[in-house]
Amino acid sequence: ACVQVNLLSGGVESSIEQEFPYEMNEDGVYTPLVFHKVIPNRTYQLTISNIPGDIDASIVGYTAVPDTFSTLSQVQDSVVYQSENQIEIDITPSENSERQSYFVFTTISQ
């Protein structure tokens, strides 16, 4: 398959600003040919074409990268599970207040 990620100039319907082709290292595993650090508040497009078994098929997907944020309060380095002392994190506001934000936290129990 031919796999490419494109940085778009605006939203989903905008033109391609920069292209990042990928190459297949082994079946189903692709790596970028060009290093690119993802830019906050931008839209990217994934295109997959020349799919084995269905050369005429293609897949196109889009993702909008959220803006950056920082914590405004000190984050505790440990808490006791189900204690009254719960984790609370204050963060900077998003530039795009129209979108809902989701945060995923990873924990380690000891």
N, C-alpha and C. Protein backbone atom coordinates (compact mmCIF):
# COMPACT_ATOMS: atom_id res chain seq x y z
N ALA A 1 0.84 -1.19 0.00
CA ALA A 1 0.00 0.00 0.00
C ALA A 1 0.88 1.25 0.00
N CYS A 2 0.33 2.30 -0.50
CA CYS A 2 0.99 3.61 -0.49
C CYS A 2 0.39 4.42 0.65
N VAL A 3 1.22 4.80 1.63
CA VAL A 3 0.75 5.50 2.83
C VAL A 3 1.41 6.87 2.90
N GLN A 4 0.60 7.89 3.19
CA GLN A 4 1.12 9.25 3.30
C GLN A 4 0.31 10.05 4.31
N VAL A 5 0.98 10.89 5.08
CA VAL A 5 0.32 11.84 5.98
C VAL A 5 0.57 13.23 5.41
N ASN A 6 -0.49 14.03 5.36
CA ASN A 6 -0.39 15.38 4.82
C ASN A 6 -0.76 16.41 5.88
N LEU A 7 0.03 17.45 5.99
CA LEU A 7 -0.32 18.60 6.82
C LEU A 7 -1.17 19.52 5.95
N LEU A 8 -2.37 19.84 6.40
CA LEU A 8 -3.26 20.68 5.62
C LEU A 8 -3.10 22.15 5.98
N SER A 9 -3.40 23.02 5.04
CA SER A 9 -3.21 24.46 5.27
C SER A 9 -4.27 25.04 6.20
N GLY A 10 -5.39 24.36 6.33
CA GLY A 10 -6.48 24.81 7.21
C GLY A 10 -7.23 23.60 7.72
N GLY A 11 -8.54 23.59 7.49
CA GLY A 11 -9.38 22.47 7.92
C GLY A 11 -9.40 21.34 6.91
N VAL A 12 -10.37 20.46 7.05
CA VAL A 12 -10.48 19.25 6.25
C VAL A 12 -10.53 19.53 4.75
N GLU A 13 -11.21 20.56 4.33
CA GLU A 13 -11.37 20.85 2.90
C GLU A 13 -10.24 21.70 2.32
N SER A 14 -9.18 21.98 3.08
CA SER A 14 -8.11 22.86 2.61
C SER A 14 -7.06 22.09 1.80
N SER A 15 -6.12 22.83 1.25
CA SER A 15 -5.07 22.24 0.42
C SER A 15 -3.95 21.65 1.28
N ILE A 16 -3.14 20.82 0.62
CA ILE A 16 -2.00 20.18 1.30
C ILE A 16 -0.85 21.16 1.37
N GLU A 17 -0.36 21.38 2.58
CA GLU A 17 0.77 22.29 2.81
C GLU A 17 2.09 21.55 2.75
N GLN A 18 2.11 20.34 3.30
CA GLN A 18 3.34 19.55 3.35
C GLN A 18 2.97 18.06 3.33
N GLU A 19 3.78 17.25 2.63
CA GLU A 19 3.53 15.82 2.50
C GLU A 19 4.59 15.01 3.23
N PHE A 20 4.17 13.92 3.86
CA PHE A 20 5.09 13.04 4.59
C PHE A 20 4.84 11.60 4.15
N PRO A 21 5.60 11.12 3.16
CA PRO A 21 5.42 9.75 2.70
C PRO A 21 5.97 8.74 3.70
N TYR A 22 5.39 7.55 3.68
CA TYR A 22 5.81 6.46 4.54
C TYR A 22 6.26 5.29 3.68
N GLU A 23 7.15 4.46 4.22
CA GLU A 23 7.55 3.25 3.52
C GLU A 23 7.27 2.04 4.40
N MET A 24 7.00 0.91 3.75
CA MET A 24 6.70 -0.31 4.48
C MET A 24 8.02 -1.01 4.84
N ASN A 25 8.20 -1.28 6.13
CA ASN A 25 9.39 -2.00 6.59
C ASN A 25 9.16 -3.50 6.59
N GLU A 26 7.95 -3.89 6.99
CA GLU A 26 7.50 -5.27 6.97
C GLU A 26 5.99 -5.22 6.83
N ASP A 27 5.36 -6.36 6.59
CA ASP A 27 3.92 -6.38 6.37
C ASP A 27 3.17 -5.61 7.46
N GLY A 28 2.47 -4.56 7.05
CA GLY A 28 1.64 -3.78 7.97
C GLY A 28 2.37 -2.77 8.83
N VAL A 29 3.69 -2.66 8.68
CA VAL A 29 4.47 -1.72 9.50
C VAL A 29 5.10 -0.67 8.58
N TYR A 30 4.69 0.60 8.78
CA TYR A 30 5.17 1.69 7.95
C TYR A 30 5.90 2.72 8.81
N THR A 31 6.95 3.30 8.27
CA THR A 31 7.69 4.36 8.98
C THR A 31 7.82 5.57 8.06
N PRO A 32 7.86 6.77 8.64
CA PRO A 32 7.97 7.98 7.82
C PRO A 32 9.35 8.11 7.19
N LEU A 33 9.39 8.66 5.99
CA LEU A 33 10.66 8.92 5.31
C LEU A 33 11.25 10.26 5.75
N VAL A 34 10.41 11.12 6.31
CA VAL A 34 10.83 12.45 6.75
C VAL A 34 10.36 12.65 8.19
N PHE A 35 11.26 13.14 9.06
CA PHE A 35 10.87 13.43 10.45
C PHE A 35 10.00 14.69 10.46
N HIS A 36 8.94 14.65 11.26
CA HIS A 36 8.08 15.83 11.42
C HIS A 36 7.52 15.83 12.83
N LYS A 37 7.69 16.92 13.54
CA LYS A 37 7.09 17.08 14.85
C LYS A 37 5.69 17.64 14.65
N VAL A 38 4.68 16.95 15.19
CA VAL A 38 3.29 17.34 15.01
C VAL A 38 3.07 18.74 15.57
N ILE A 39 2.33 19.55 14.82
CA ILE A 39 2.10 20.95 15.17
C ILE A 39 0.73 21.08 15.83
N PRO A 40 0.66 21.72 17.01
CA PRO A 40 -0.64 21.91 17.66
C PRO A 40 -1.56 22.80 16.84
N ASN A 41 -2.87 22.59 17.01
CA ASN A 41 -3.91 23.39 16.33
C ASN A 41 -3.87 23.27 14.81
N ARG A 42 -3.44 22.12 14.31
CA ARG A 42 -3.40 21.89 12.86
C ARG A 42 -4.17 20.63 12.51
N THR A 43 -4.53 20.51 11.24
CA THR A 43 -5.25 19.34 10.75
C THR A 43 -4.34 18.52 9.85
N TYR A 44 -4.36 17.20 10.06
CA TYR A 44 -3.57 16.27 9.26
C TYR A 44 -4.51 15.30 8.56
N GLN A 45 -4.06 14.85 7.39
CA GLN A 45 -4.82 13.89 6.58
C GLN A 45 -3.96 12.64 6.39
N LEU A 46 -4.56 11.48 6.58
CA LEU A 46 -3.91 10.19 6.30
C LEU A 46 -4.53 9.65 5.02
N THR A 47 -3.69 9.29 4.05
CA THR A 47 -4.19 8.68 2.81
C THR A 47 -3.50 7.33 2.61
N ILE A 48 -4.29 6.34 2.27
CA ILE A 48 -3.77 5.00 1.97
C ILE A 48 -4.37 4.60 0.63
N SER A 49 -3.50 4.26 -0.32
CA SER A 49 -3.96 3.86 -1.65
C SER A 49 -3.17 2.64 -2.11
N ASN A 50 -3.51 2.13 -3.28
CA ASN A 50 -2.86 0.92 -3.82
C ASN A 50 -2.89 -0.21 -2.79
N ILE A 51 -4.03 -0.43 -2.21
CA ILE A 51 -4.20 -1.44 -1.17
C ILE A 51 -4.15 -2.83 -1.81
N PRO A 52 -3.27 -3.70 -1.33
CA PRO A 52 -3.18 -5.05 -1.91
C PRO A 52 -4.55 -5.76 -1.85
N GLY A 53 -4.90 -6.38 -2.94
CA GLY A 53 -6.19 -7.06 -3.03
C GLY A 53 -7.30 -6.17 -3.55
N ASP A 54 -7.10 -4.85 -3.52
CA ASP A 54 -8.09 -3.91 -4.04
C ASP A 54 -7.38 -2.61 -4.41
N ILE A 55 -6.63 -2.67 -5.49
CA ILE A 55 -5.78 -1.55 -5.92
C ILE A 55 -6.57 -0.26 -6.13
N ASP A 56 -7.83 -0.36 -6.52
CA ASP A 56 -8.64 0.83 -6.77
C ASP A 56 -9.20 1.47 -5.51
N ALA A 57 -9.12 0.76 -4.39
CA ALA A 57 -9.66 1.29 -3.13
C ALA A 57 -8.68 2.29 -2.51
N SER A 58 -9.23 3.18 -1.71
CA SER A 58 -8.38 4.11 -0.95
C SER A 58 -9.06 4.42 0.38
N ILE A 59 -8.26 4.80 1.33
CA ILE A 59 -8.74 5.19 2.66
C ILE A 59 -8.21 6.58 2.95
N VAL A 60 -9.08 7.47 3.42
CA VAL A 60 -8.68 8.82 3.79
C VAL A 60 -9.24 9.11 5.17
N GLY A 61 -8.39 9.63 6.06
CA GLY A 61 -8.82 10.00 7.40
C GLY A 61 -8.23 11.34 7.78
N TYR A 62 -8.87 12.01 8.73
CA TYR A 62 -8.41 13.33 9.18
C TYR A 62 -8.33 13.36 10.70
N THR A 63 -7.41 14.16 11.21
CA THR A 63 -7.36 14.39 12.65
C THR A 63 -6.99 15.85 12.90
N ALA A 64 -7.65 16.44 13.88
CA ALA A 64 -7.34 17.81 14.31
C ALA A 64 -6.54 17.70 15.60
N VAL A 65 -5.34 18.22 15.58
CA VAL A 65 -4.46 18.16 16.75
C VAL A 65 -4.85 19.27 17.72
N PRO A 66 -5.05 18.93 18.99
CA PRO A 66 -5.41 19.97 19.97
C PRO A 66 -4.23 20.90 20.22
N ASP A 67 -4.53 22.06 20.80
CA ASP A 67 -3.43 22.96 21.13
C ASP A 67 -2.70 22.47 22.37
N THR A 68 -1.58 23.08 22.66
CA THR A 68 -0.79 22.71 23.82
C THR A 68 -1.43 23.25 25.09
N PHE A 69 -1.07 22.68 26.21
CA PHE A 69 -1.56 23.19 27.48
C PHE A 69 -0.49 22.97 28.54
N SER A 70 -0.64 23.67 29.63
CA SER A 70 0.29 23.54 30.76
C SER A 70 -0.53 23.40 32.03
N THR A 71 0.07 22.81 33.04
CA THR A 71 -0.60 22.73 34.33
C THR A 71 -0.38 24.03 35.08
N LEU A 72 -1.42 24.52 35.73
CA LEU A 72 -1.34 25.76 36.49
C LEU A 72 -1.08 25.50 37.97
N SER A 73 -1.39 24.30 38.41
CA SER A 73 -1.19 23.95 39.81
C SER A 73 -0.17 22.81 39.90
N GLN A 74 0.40 22.68 41.07
CA GLN A 74 1.36 21.60 41.28
C GLN A 74 0.62 20.26 41.26
N VAL A 75 1.18 19.29 40.55
CA VAL A 75 0.57 17.97 40.43
C VAL A 75 1.20 17.05 41.47
N GLN A 76 0.34 16.41 42.25
CA GLN A 76 0.84 15.49 43.28
C GLN A 76 1.54 14.31 42.62
N ASP A 77 2.63 13.85 43.22
CA ASP A 77 3.33 12.71 42.63
C ASP A 77 2.81 11.37 43.14
N SER A 78 1.97 11.39 44.17
CA SER A 78 1.34 10.14 44.62
C SER A 78 0.05 10.45 45.38
N VAL A 79 -0.91 9.54 45.27
CA VAL A 79 -2.17 9.61 46.00
C VAL A 79 -2.58 8.20 46.40
N VAL A 80 -3.40 8.11 47.42
CA VAL A 80 -3.89 6.82 47.88
C VAL A 80 -5.22 6.54 47.20
N TYR A 81 -5.35 5.35 46.64
CA TYR A 81 -6.55 4.93 45.92
C TYR A 81 -7.78 5.03 46.82
N GLN A 82 -8.83 5.65 46.32
CA GLN A 82 -10.12 5.84 46.99
C GLN A 82 -10.02 6.63 48.30
N SER A 83 -8.98 7.44 48.44
CA SER A 83 -8.89 8.29 49.63
C SER A 83 -9.69 9.57 49.37
N GLU A 84 -9.86 10.37 50.42
CA GLU A 84 -10.56 11.64 50.27
C GLU A 84 -9.72 12.66 49.50
N ASN A 85 -8.41 12.44 49.48
CA ASN A 85 -7.48 13.32 48.78
C ASN A 85 -7.40 12.89 47.32
N GLN A 86 -8.22 13.51 46.45
CA GLN A 86 -8.29 13.14 45.04
C GLN A 86 -7.35 14.01 44.20
N ILE A 87 -6.99 13.49 43.05
CA ILE A 87 -6.15 14.25 42.12
C ILE A 87 -6.99 15.36 41.48
N GLU A 88 -6.44 16.56 41.47
CA GLU A 88 -7.09 17.69 40.81
C GLU A 88 -6.02 18.47 40.09
N ILE A 89 -6.22 18.69 38.80
CA ILE A 89 -5.22 19.37 37.99
C ILE A 89 -5.87 20.55 37.28
N ASP A 90 -5.33 21.75 37.48
CA ASP A 90 -5.79 22.95 36.78
C ASP A 90 -4.87 23.16 35.59
N ILE A 91 -5.48 23.37 34.42
CA ILE A 91 -4.68 23.57 33.21
C ILE A 91 -5.05 24.88 32.54
N THR A 92 -4.19 25.33 31.63
CA THR A 92 -4.45 26.55 30.88
C THR A 92 -5.64 26.31 29.94
N PRO A 93 -6.42 27.35 29.65
CA PRO A 93 -7.58 27.17 28.77
C PRO A 93 -7.15 26.90 27.32
N SER A 94 -8.01 26.23 26.60
CA SER A 94 -7.78 25.93 25.19
C SER A 94 -8.07 27.17 24.35
N GLU A 95 -7.33 27.32 23.25
CA GLU A 95 -7.61 28.42 22.32
C GLU A 95 -8.91 28.16 21.58
N ASN A 96 -9.30 26.90 21.44
CA ASN A 96 -10.53 26.54 20.74
C ASN A 96 -11.55 26.08 21.77
N SER A 97 -12.34 26.99 22.27
CA SER A 97 -13.29 26.67 23.33
C SER A 97 -14.53 25.95 22.81
N GLU A 98 -14.65 25.80 21.48
CA GLU A 98 -15.82 25.14 20.90
C GLU A 98 -15.69 23.62 20.91
N ARG A 99 -14.48 23.09 21.11
CA ARG A 99 -14.28 21.65 21.11
C ARG A 99 -14.15 21.15 22.54
N GLN A 100 -14.69 19.98 22.78
CA GLN A 100 -14.54 19.35 24.09
C GLN A 100 -13.17 18.68 24.15
N SER A 101 -12.52 18.75 25.29
CA SER A 101 -11.21 18.15 25.47
C SER A 101 -11.31 16.89 26.30
N TYR A 102 -10.52 15.91 25.94
CA TYR A 102 -10.42 14.66 26.69
C TYR A 102 -8.97 14.47 27.08
N PHE A 103 -8.75 14.03 28.30
CA PHE A 103 -7.40 13.80 28.78
C PHE A 103 -7.29 12.36 29.26
N VAL A 104 -6.19 11.73 28.93
CA VAL A 104 -5.95 10.35 29.33
C VAL A 104 -4.73 10.34 30.24
N PHE A 105 -4.89 9.78 31.43
CA PHE A 105 -3.81 9.71 32.39
C PHE A 105 -3.41 8.26 32.62
N THR A 106 -2.15 8.03 32.75
CA THR A 106 -1.64 6.69 33.04
C THR A 106 -1.18 6.66 34.48
N THR A 107 -1.54 5.60 35.17
CA THR A 107 -1.15 5.47 36.59
C THR A 107 -0.34 4.20 36.80
N ILE A 108 0.45 4.22 37.83
CA ILE A 108 1.22 3.05 38.25
C ILE A 108 0.86 2.77 39.70
N SER A 109 0.42 1.56 40.00
CA SER A 109 0.09 1.23 41.39
C SER A 109 1.24 0.46 42.00
N GLN A 110 1.39 0.69 43.30
CA GLN A 110 2.47 0.02 44.02
C GLN A 110 1.92 -0.64 45.26
